[in-house]
Amino acid sequence: HDPESGPSDFATPRISPEAIELLLTSVRRALRDKKYRSFWKLIGPQDFDGSYVSEVAVPLALCTLEARLENGYYRSLLAFRHDVQTLAGNCLLYNGVDDDISHVAVELRDKLISACNSAGLDEQDSFRPYNATPPSIAGLPPVPHNFQRKTTTSRNRRRIIT
């Protein structure tokens, strides 16, 4: 694309302003609800003796979702939905599925995903399960059954050599 020739025909995906407003309203409602206070702010190394951040790879909180919505971070409703599922999944991972806070996390997830669906999550954005074959490798032949990976250990790290 030549910058001198004007705007490109390629449009960067964005969520509509109306959808962002609806999602912001839902997130802010949750931020005011004391039932969800455990999800208001990020958990840092000072919390839970640092065990949370060592067990949870991508900590998220409602304040993160709010900031991302306000700053145009999300390019699709599916990306927002992924963050909502990650927020709840972190809670279930750390606390276990039977813990009371995990039940609250699932309720929060369901409310925010419902808002996402109301905002217009359409079929092209529909959620693809994690175990589904990604489109980028869908047409490739299967790996031969006699294929083996060799591994070597170096400095306490496992490296895969193919």
N, C-alpha and C. Protein backbone atom coordinates (compact mmCIF):
# COMPACT_ATOMS: atom_id res chain seq x y z
N HIS A 1 0.84 -1.19 0.00
CA HIS A 1 0.00 0.00 0.00
C HIS A 1 0.88 1.24 0.00
N ASP A 2 0.60 2.13 -0.92
CA ASP A 2 1.32 3.39 -1.03
C ASP A 2 0.58 4.44 -0.20
N PRO A 3 1.22 4.96 0.87
CA PRO A 3 0.53 5.94 1.73
C PRO A 3 0.06 7.17 0.98
N GLU A 4 0.73 7.50 -0.12
CA GLU A 4 0.36 8.69 -0.90
C GLU A 4 -0.94 8.49 -1.67
N SER A 5 -1.32 7.23 -1.92
CA SER A 5 -2.50 6.97 -2.75
C SER A 5 -3.81 7.01 -1.97
N GLY A 6 -3.74 7.29 -0.68
CA GLY A 6 -4.96 7.37 0.12
C GLY A 6 -5.20 6.12 0.93
N PRO A 7 -6.37 6.03 1.56
CA PRO A 7 -6.64 4.90 2.45
C PRO A 7 -6.71 3.59 1.68
N SER A 8 -6.32 2.52 2.37
CA SER A 8 -6.34 1.19 1.79
C SER A 8 -7.76 0.63 1.80
N ASP A 9 -8.03 -0.31 0.88
CA ASP A 9 -9.32 -0.98 0.88
C ASP A 9 -9.42 -1.97 2.03
N PHE A 10 -8.25 -2.34 2.60
CA PHE A 10 -8.24 -3.30 3.70
C PHE A 10 -8.66 -2.59 4.98
N ALA A 11 -9.76 -3.01 5.53
CA ALA A 11 -10.27 -2.39 6.76
C ALA A 11 -9.83 -3.21 7.96
N THR A 12 -9.30 -2.55 8.97
CA THR A 12 -8.94 -3.22 10.20
C THR A 12 -10.22 -3.60 10.93
N PRO A 13 -10.35 -4.87 11.31
CA PRO A 13 -11.57 -5.27 12.01
C PRO A 13 -11.73 -4.50 13.32
N ARG A 14 -12.92 -4.09 13.58
CA ARG A 14 -13.24 -3.37 14.81
C ARG A 14 -14.64 -3.77 15.27
N ILE A 15 -14.86 -3.62 16.56
CA ILE A 15 -16.18 -3.82 17.11
C ILE A 15 -16.93 -2.50 16.94
N SER A 16 -18.21 -2.56 16.62
CA SER A 16 -18.98 -1.33 16.43
C SER A 16 -19.03 -0.52 17.73
N PRO A 17 -19.13 0.80 17.63
CA PRO A 17 -19.24 1.63 18.83
C PRO A 17 -20.43 1.24 19.71
N GLU A 18 -21.53 0.84 19.08
CA GLU A 18 -22.71 0.43 19.85
C GLU A 18 -22.41 -0.83 20.66
N ALA A 19 -21.71 -1.80 20.05
CA ALA A 19 -21.35 -3.03 20.75
C ALA A 19 -20.39 -2.75 21.89
N ILE A 20 -19.42 -1.86 21.64
CA ILE A 20 -18.47 -1.50 22.70
C ILE A 20 -19.21 -0.87 23.88
N GLU A 21 -20.15 0.00 23.60
CA GLU A 21 -20.92 0.65 24.66
C GLU A 21 -21.71 -0.37 25.47
N LEU A 22 -22.33 -1.33 24.79
CA LEU A 22 -23.09 -2.37 25.48
C LEU A 22 -22.17 -3.22 26.36
N LEU A 23 -21.00 -3.59 25.84
CA LEU A 23 -20.06 -4.39 26.62
C LEU A 23 -19.50 -3.59 27.80
N LEU A 24 -19.18 -2.32 27.56
CA LEU A 24 -18.70 -1.47 28.66
C LEU A 24 -19.73 -1.36 29.77
N THR A 25 -20.99 -1.21 29.39
CA THR A 25 -22.06 -1.13 30.39
C THR A 25 -22.10 -2.41 31.23
N SER A 26 -21.97 -3.55 30.59
CA SER A 26 -22.00 -4.83 31.31
C SER A 26 -20.79 -4.99 32.24
N VAL A 27 -19.62 -4.62 31.74
CA VAL A 27 -18.41 -4.73 32.55
C VAL A 27 -18.48 -3.76 33.74
N ARG A 28 -18.94 -2.55 33.50
CA ARG A 28 -19.03 -1.55 34.58
C ARG A 28 -20.09 -1.94 35.61
N ARG A 29 -21.15 -2.57 35.16
CA ARG A 29 -22.16 -3.07 36.09
C ARG A 29 -21.53 -4.13 37.01
N ALA A 30 -20.71 -5.00 36.44
CA ALA A 30 -20.02 -6.02 37.24
C ALA A 30 -19.01 -5.39 38.18
N LEU A 31 -18.37 -4.30 37.75
CA LEU A 31 -17.41 -3.60 38.61
C LEU A 31 -18.09 -2.95 39.81
N ARG A 32 -19.37 -2.64 39.70
CA ARG A 32 -20.12 -2.05 40.83
C ARG A 32 -20.74 -3.12 41.72
N ASP A 33 -20.85 -4.33 41.25
CA ASP A 33 -21.52 -5.40 42.00
C ASP A 33 -20.52 -6.05 42.96
N LYS A 34 -20.80 -5.95 44.26
CA LYS A 34 -19.88 -6.49 45.27
C LYS A 34 -19.70 -8.00 45.16
N LYS A 35 -20.64 -8.66 44.55
CA LYS A 35 -20.53 -10.11 44.36
C LYS A 35 -19.29 -10.45 43.52
N TYR A 36 -18.91 -9.53 42.62
CA TYR A 36 -17.79 -9.78 41.71
C TYR A 36 -16.51 -9.06 42.12
N ARG A 37 -16.44 -8.61 43.38
CA ARG A 37 -15.29 -7.81 43.81
C ARG A 37 -13.95 -8.55 43.69
N SER A 38 -13.97 -9.88 43.74
CA SER A 38 -12.73 -10.65 43.57
C SER A 38 -12.16 -10.52 42.17
N PHE A 39 -12.97 -10.05 41.23
CA PHE A 39 -12.55 -9.95 39.84
C PHE A 39 -12.33 -8.50 39.40
N TRP A 40 -12.42 -7.55 40.32
CA TRP A 40 -12.30 -6.15 39.98
C TRP A 40 -10.90 -5.76 39.51
N LYS A 41 -9.87 -6.22 40.23
CA LYS A 41 -8.51 -5.79 39.90
C LYS A 41 -7.60 -7.00 39.72
N LEU A 42 -6.48 -6.74 39.05
CA LEU A 42 -5.52 -7.81 38.80
C LEU A 42 -4.89 -8.29 40.10
N ILE A 43 -4.63 -9.57 40.13
CA ILE A 43 -3.94 -10.17 41.28
C ILE A 43 -2.46 -10.14 40.95
N GLY A 44 -1.67 -9.62 41.88
CA GLY A 44 -0.24 -9.48 41.64
C GLY A 44 0.58 -10.43 42.49
N PRO A 45 1.90 -10.34 42.38
CA PRO A 45 2.79 -11.23 43.13
C PRO A 45 2.63 -11.08 44.64
N GLN A 46 2.18 -9.92 45.09
CA GLN A 46 2.01 -9.70 46.53
C GLN A 46 0.79 -10.44 47.09
N ASP A 47 -0.12 -10.87 46.21
CA ASP A 47 -1.33 -11.58 46.64
C ASP A 47 -1.09 -13.08 46.67
N PHE A 48 -1.65 -13.74 47.65
CA PHE A 48 -1.57 -15.20 47.76
C PHE A 48 -0.12 -15.70 47.77
N ASP A 49 0.78 -14.95 48.40
CA ASP A 49 2.19 -15.33 48.47
C ASP A 49 2.81 -15.59 47.10
N GLY A 50 2.29 -14.96 46.07
CA GLY A 50 2.84 -15.11 44.73
C GLY A 50 2.43 -16.38 44.01
N SER A 51 1.65 -17.23 44.67
CA SER A 51 1.30 -18.51 44.05
C SER A 51 0.36 -18.34 42.86
N TYR A 52 -0.48 -17.31 42.89
CA TYR A 52 -1.44 -17.13 41.79
C TYR A 52 -0.72 -16.84 40.48
N VAL A 53 0.20 -15.89 40.50
CA VAL A 53 0.89 -15.53 39.27
C VAL A 53 1.84 -16.62 38.80
N SER A 54 2.23 -17.52 39.68
CA SER A 54 3.07 -18.63 39.24
C SER A 54 2.24 -19.74 38.61
N GLU A 55 0.95 -19.81 38.93
CA GLU A 55 0.09 -20.86 38.38
C GLU A 55 -0.76 -20.39 37.20
N VAL A 56 -1.03 -19.10 37.13
CA VAL A 56 -1.91 -18.55 36.09
C VAL A 56 -1.06 -17.76 35.10
N ALA A 57 -1.03 -18.22 33.86
CA ALA A 57 -0.15 -17.61 32.85
C ALA A 57 -0.61 -16.23 32.40
N VAL A 58 -1.94 -16.03 32.28
CA VAL A 58 -2.47 -14.77 31.75
C VAL A 58 -3.50 -14.21 32.72
N PRO A 59 -3.05 -13.54 33.78
CA PRO A 59 -4.02 -12.97 34.72
C PRO A 59 -4.85 -11.88 34.05
N LEU A 60 -6.15 -11.91 34.30
CA LEU A 60 -7.07 -10.89 33.77
C LEU A 60 -8.03 -10.48 34.88
N ALA A 61 -8.54 -9.27 34.76
CA ALA A 61 -9.52 -8.76 35.71
C ALA A 61 -10.51 -7.88 34.96
N LEU A 62 -11.61 -7.55 35.63
CA LEU A 62 -12.61 -6.70 34.99
C LEU A 62 -12.04 -5.34 34.60
N CYS A 63 -11.11 -4.82 35.41
CA CYS A 63 -10.50 -3.52 35.06
C CYS A 63 -9.71 -3.63 33.77
N THR A 64 -9.14 -4.79 33.49
CA THR A 64 -8.41 -5.01 32.23
C THR A 64 -9.38 -5.00 31.06
N LEU A 65 -10.50 -5.71 31.21
CA LEU A 65 -11.50 -5.75 30.15
C LEU A 65 -12.03 -4.34 29.87
N GLU A 66 -12.29 -3.60 30.93
CA GLU A 66 -12.80 -2.23 30.77
C GLU A 66 -11.79 -1.36 30.02
N ALA A 67 -10.54 -1.41 30.42
CA ALA A 67 -9.51 -0.60 29.77
C ALA A 67 -9.34 -1.00 28.30
N ARG A 68 -9.39 -2.29 28.03
CA ARG A 68 -9.24 -2.76 26.65
C ARG A 68 -10.41 -2.30 25.79
N LEU A 69 -11.61 -2.32 26.33
CA LEU A 69 -12.77 -1.82 25.58
C LEU A 69 -12.66 -0.33 25.32
N GLU A 70 -12.26 0.41 26.35
CA GLU A 70 -12.14 1.87 26.22
C GLU A 70 -11.07 2.27 25.21
N ASN A 71 -10.02 1.47 25.09
CA ASN A 71 -8.88 1.84 24.24
C ASN A 71 -8.89 1.17 22.87
N GLY A 72 -9.99 0.52 22.51
CA GLY A 72 -10.10 -0.08 21.18
C GLY A 72 -9.19 -1.28 20.96
N TYR A 73 -8.85 -1.97 22.03
CA TYR A 73 -7.95 -3.12 21.94
C TYR A 73 -8.57 -4.28 21.15
N TYR A 74 -9.85 -4.53 21.37
CA TYR A 74 -10.50 -5.70 20.76
C TYR A 74 -10.85 -5.42 19.31
N ARG A 75 -10.44 -6.36 18.43
CA ARG A 75 -10.76 -6.24 17.01
C ARG A 75 -11.98 -7.07 16.65
N SER A 76 -12.44 -7.91 17.57
CA SER A 76 -13.65 -8.70 17.32
C SER A 76 -14.31 -9.03 18.65
N LEU A 77 -15.58 -9.37 18.57
CA LEU A 77 -16.30 -9.79 19.77
C LEU A 77 -15.74 -11.11 20.27
N LEU A 78 -15.23 -11.92 19.37
CA LEU A 78 -14.63 -13.19 19.77
C LEU A 78 -13.42 -12.97 20.67
N ALA A 79 -12.64 -11.94 20.41
CA ALA A 79 -11.48 -11.64 21.26
C ALA A 79 -11.93 -11.24 22.66
N PHE A 80 -12.99 -10.45 22.75
CA PHE A 80 -13.53 -10.09 24.06
C PHE A 80 -14.02 -11.35 24.77
N ARG A 81 -14.75 -12.17 24.04
CA ARG A 81 -15.28 -13.41 24.62
C ARG A 81 -14.13 -14.30 25.12
N HIS A 82 -13.06 -14.36 24.39
CA HIS A 82 -11.90 -15.15 24.81
C HIS A 82 -11.36 -14.65 26.15
N ASP A 83 -11.24 -13.33 26.30
CA ASP A 83 -10.75 -12.77 27.56
C ASP A 83 -11.70 -13.08 28.71
N VAL A 84 -13.00 -13.02 28.46
CA VAL A 84 -13.98 -13.34 29.50
C VAL A 84 -13.81 -14.79 29.93
N GLN A 85 -13.65 -15.68 28.97
CA GLN A 85 -13.47 -17.10 29.29
C GLN A 85 -12.14 -17.34 30.01
N THR A 86 -11.12 -16.58 29.64
CA THR A 86 -9.83 -16.71 30.31
C THR A 86 -9.93 -16.24 31.76
N LEU A 87 -10.63 -15.13 32.00
CA LEU A 87 -10.82 -14.63 33.35
C LEU A 87 -11.47 -15.69 34.23
N ALA A 88 -12.55 -16.29 33.74
CA ALA A 88 -13.24 -17.33 34.52
C ALA A 88 -12.39 -18.59 34.62
N GLY A 89 -11.74 -18.95 33.53
CA GLY A 89 -10.89 -20.15 33.54
C GLY A 89 -9.75 -20.04 34.53
N ASN A 90 -9.17 -18.85 34.67
CA ASN A 90 -8.11 -18.64 35.65
C ASN A 90 -8.61 -18.95 37.06
N CYS A 91 -9.81 -18.48 37.35
CA CYS A 91 -10.39 -18.70 38.67
C CYS A 91 -10.61 -20.20 38.92
N LEU A 92 -11.17 -20.89 37.95
CA LEU A 92 -11.41 -22.32 38.09
C LEU A 92 -10.10 -23.09 38.21
N LEU A 93 -9.09 -22.68 37.46
CA LEU A 93 -7.78 -23.34 37.52
C LEU A 93 -7.17 -23.19 38.91
N TYR A 94 -7.20 -21.98 39.45
CA TYR A 94 -6.54 -21.71 40.72
C TYR A 94 -7.33 -22.24 41.92
N ASN A 95 -8.65 -22.09 41.88
CA ASN A 95 -9.48 -22.43 43.04
C ASN A 95 -10.14 -23.80 42.97
N GLY A 96 -10.22 -24.38 41.79
CA GLY A 96 -10.93 -25.65 41.62
C GLY A 96 -12.38 -25.38 41.26
N VAL A 97 -12.99 -26.32 40.56
CA VAL A 97 -14.35 -26.10 40.04
C VAL A 97 -15.41 -26.10 41.13
N ASP A 98 -15.15 -26.69 42.27
CA ASP A 98 -16.17 -26.78 43.31
C ASP A 98 -16.15 -25.63 44.31
N ASP A 99 -15.18 -24.75 44.22
CA ASP A 99 -15.08 -23.63 45.14
C ASP A 99 -16.19 -22.62 44.86
N ASP A 100 -16.68 -21.96 45.91
CA ASP A 100 -17.76 -20.97 45.76
C ASP A 100 -17.38 -19.84 44.81
N ILE A 101 -16.13 -19.37 44.87
CA ILE A 101 -15.70 -18.27 43.99
C ILE A 101 -15.71 -18.72 42.53
N SER A 102 -15.49 -20.00 42.29
CA SER A 102 -15.53 -20.51 40.93
C SER A 102 -16.95 -20.46 40.37
N HIS A 103 -17.92 -20.71 41.22
CA HIS A 103 -19.32 -20.61 40.79
C HIS A 103 -19.67 -19.16 40.44
N VAL A 104 -19.13 -18.22 41.21
CA VAL A 104 -19.34 -16.80 40.92
C VAL A 104 -18.65 -16.43 39.59
N ALA A 105 -17.46 -16.99 39.36
CA ALA A 105 -16.74 -16.73 38.11
C ALA A 105 -17.54 -17.22 36.90
N VAL A 106 -18.14 -18.39 37.02
CA VAL A 106 -18.95 -18.94 35.93
C VAL A 106 -20.17 -18.06 35.69
N GLU A 107 -20.79 -17.58 36.76
CA GLU A 107 -21.94 -16.68 36.62
C GLU A 107 -21.54 -15.38 35.92
N LEU A 108 -20.40 -14.82 36.32
CA LEU A 108 -19.89 -13.60 35.69
C LEU A 108 -19.60 -13.86 34.22
N ARG A 109 -18.95 -14.97 33.92
CA ARG A 109 -18.65 -15.33 32.53
C ARG A 109 -19.93 -15.40 31.71
N ASP A 110 -20.94 -16.08 32.24
CA ASP A 110 -22.20 -16.23 31.51
C ASP A 110 -22.87 -14.89 31.25
N LYS A 111 -22.83 -13.98 32.24
CA LYS A 111 -23.42 -12.64 32.06
C LYS A 111 -22.70 -11.86 30.96
N LEU A 112 -21.37 -11.90 30.99
CA LEU A 112 -20.60 -11.13 30.01
C LEU A 112 -20.69 -11.74 28.61
N ILE A 113 -20.74 -13.05 28.53
CA ILE A 113 -20.90 -13.69 27.21
C ILE A 113 -22.29 -13.43 26.67
N SER A 114 -23.29 -13.37 27.54
CA SER A 114 -24.64 -13.02 27.11
C SER A 114 -24.65 -11.59 26.53
N ALA A 115 -23.93 -10.68 27.19
CA ALA A 115 -23.82 -9.32 26.67
C ALA A 115 -23.10 -9.32 25.33
N CYS A 116 -22.09 -10.16 25.21
CA CYS A 116 -21.35 -10.27 23.95
C CYS A 116 -22.28 -10.77 22.84
N ASN A 117 -23.10 -11.73 23.15
CA ASN A 117 -24.05 -12.24 22.16
C ASN A 117 -25.07 -11.16 21.80
N SER A 118 -25.51 -10.40 22.77
CA SER A 118 -26.45 -9.30 22.51
C SER A 118 -25.80 -8.21 21.66
N ALA A 119 -24.48 -8.07 21.80
CA ALA A 119 -23.75 -7.04 21.04
C ALA A 119 -23.57 -7.43 19.58
N GLY A 120 -23.92 -8.67 19.24
CA GLY A 120 -23.88 -9.04 17.83
C GLY A 120 -22.87 -10.09 17.46
N LEU A 121 -22.48 -10.96 18.38
CA LEU A 121 -21.59 -12.05 18.03
C LEU A 121 -22.27 -12.87 16.95
N ASP A 122 -21.74 -12.83 15.75
CA ASP A 122 -22.40 -13.51 14.64
C ASP A 122 -21.70 -14.81 14.29
N GLU A 123 -22.17 -15.47 13.27
CA GLU A 123 -21.66 -16.79 12.93
C GLU A 123 -20.18 -16.76 12.55
N GLN A 124 -19.72 -15.71 11.91
CA GLN A 124 -18.30 -15.67 11.54
C GLN A 124 -17.43 -15.51 12.78
N ASP A 125 -17.98 -14.96 13.86
CA ASP A 125 -17.25 -14.82 15.11
C ASP A 125 -17.51 -15.98 16.06
N SER A 126 -18.34 -16.93 15.65
CA SER A 126 -18.74 -17.97 16.58
C SER A 126 -17.54 -18.69 17.15
N PHE A 127 -17.68 -19.15 18.35
CA PHE A 127 -16.58 -19.73 19.09
C PHE A 127 -16.20 -21.09 18.52
N ARG A 128 -14.91 -21.24 18.19
CA ARG A 128 -14.39 -22.51 17.72
C ARG A 128 -13.71 -23.18 18.90
N PRO A 129 -14.10 -24.40 19.25
CA PRO A 129 -13.48 -25.06 20.40
C PRO A 129 -11.97 -25.16 20.24
N TYR A 130 -11.25 -25.16 21.34
CA TYR A 130 -9.80 -25.20 21.30
C TYR A 130 -9.27 -26.46 20.61
N ASN A 131 -10.02 -27.56 20.65
CA ASN A 131 -9.53 -28.79 20.06
C ASN A 131 -9.86 -28.91 18.58
N ALA A 132 -10.51 -27.92 18.01
CA ALA A 132 -10.82 -27.95 16.58
C ALA A 132 -9.55 -27.68 15.78
N THR A 133 -9.48 -28.21 14.60
CA THR A 133 -8.31 -28.01 13.75
C THR A 133 -8.26 -26.57 13.27
N PRO A 134 -7.16 -25.87 13.54
CA PRO A 134 -7.06 -24.49 13.05
C PRO A 134 -7.09 -24.46 11.53
N PRO A 135 -7.70 -23.42 10.95
CA PRO A 135 -7.80 -23.34 9.50
C PRO A 135 -6.45 -23.40 8.79
N SER A 136 -5.39 -22.92 9.43
CA SER A 136 -4.09 -22.88 8.78
C SER A 136 -3.50 -24.25 8.50
N ILE A 137 -3.93 -25.30 9.22
CA ILE A 137 -3.39 -26.63 8.98
C ILE A 137 -4.46 -27.62 8.53
N ALA A 138 -5.65 -27.14 8.26
CA ALA A 138 -6.76 -28.02 7.91
C ALA A 138 -6.49 -28.85 6.67
N GLY A 139 -5.75 -28.31 5.69
CA GLY A 139 -5.54 -29.04 4.44
C GLY A 139 -4.27 -29.86 4.40
N LEU A 140 -3.47 -29.85 5.47
CA LEU A 140 -2.21 -30.58 5.46
C LEU A 140 -2.44 -32.07 5.70
N PRO A 141 -1.57 -32.92 5.14
CA PRO A 141 -1.73 -34.36 5.37
C PRO A 141 -1.41 -34.69 6.82
N PRO A 142 -1.94 -35.81 7.32
CA PRO A 142 -1.67 -36.19 8.71
C PRO A 142 -0.21 -36.55 8.91
N VAL A 143 0.26 -36.45 10.14
CA VAL A 143 1.63 -36.82 10.48
C VAL A 143 1.75 -38.34 10.37
N PRO A 144 2.80 -38.86 9.73
CA PRO A 144 2.96 -40.31 9.62
C PRO A 144 3.01 -40.96 11.00
N HIS A 145 2.46 -42.17 11.11
CA HIS A 145 2.38 -42.84 12.41
C HIS A 145 3.76 -43.21 12.96
N ASN A 146 4.79 -43.29 12.12
CA ASN A 146 6.12 -43.66 12.60
C ASN A 146 7.00 -42.42 12.88
N PHE A 147 6.41 -41.23 12.83
CA PHE A 147 7.14 -39.99 13.09
C PHE A 147 7.47 -39.92 14.57
N GLN A 148 8.75 -39.64 14.90
CA GLN A 148 9.17 -39.52 16.29
C GLN A 148 9.95 -38.23 16.47
N ARG A 149 9.72 -37.61 17.58
CA ARG A 149 10.49 -36.41 17.91
C ARG A 149 11.60 -36.82 18.86
N LYS A 150 12.75 -36.24 18.65
CA LYS A 150 13.87 -36.47 19.55
C LYS A 150 13.94 -35.30 20.51
N THR A 151 14.20 -35.58 21.74
CA THR A 151 14.32 -34.50 22.72
C THR A 151 15.70 -34.50 23.33
N THR A 152 16.13 -33.34 23.72
CA THR A 152 17.40 -33.20 24.42
C THR A 152 17.21 -32.20 25.54
N THR A 153 17.93 -32.36 26.61
CA THR A 153 17.82 -31.44 27.74
C THR A 153 19.07 -30.58 27.80
N SER A 154 18.88 -29.29 27.90
CA SER A 154 19.99 -28.36 27.98
C SER A 154 19.64 -27.29 28.99
N ARG A 155 20.46 -27.15 30.02
CA ARG A 155 20.22 -26.14 31.06
C ARG A 155 18.83 -26.22 31.64
N ASN A 156 18.39 -27.40 31.99
CA ASN A 156 17.09 -27.63 32.62
C ASN A 156 15.92 -27.23 31.74
N ARG A 157 16.13 -27.11 30.44
CA ARG A 157 15.04 -26.80 29.52
C ARG A 157 14.92 -27.94 28.54
N ARG A 158 13.73 -28.27 28.20
CA ARG A 158 13.50 -29.34 27.24
C ARG A 158 13.35 -28.73 25.85
N ARG A 159 14.15 -29.18 24.95
CA ARG A 159 14.14 -28.67 23.59
C ARG A 159 13.72 -29.78 22.66
N ILE A 160 12.85 -29.49 21.72
CA ILE A 160 12.38 -30.49 20.77
C ILE A 160 13.11 -30.31 19.47
N ILE A 161 13.68 -31.41 18.98
CA ILE A 161 14.38 -31.40 17.70
C ILE A 161 13.59 -32.27 16.75
N THR A 162 13.19 -31.73 15.60
CA THR A 162 12.43 -32.54 14.63
C THR A 162 13.29 -32.86 13.44
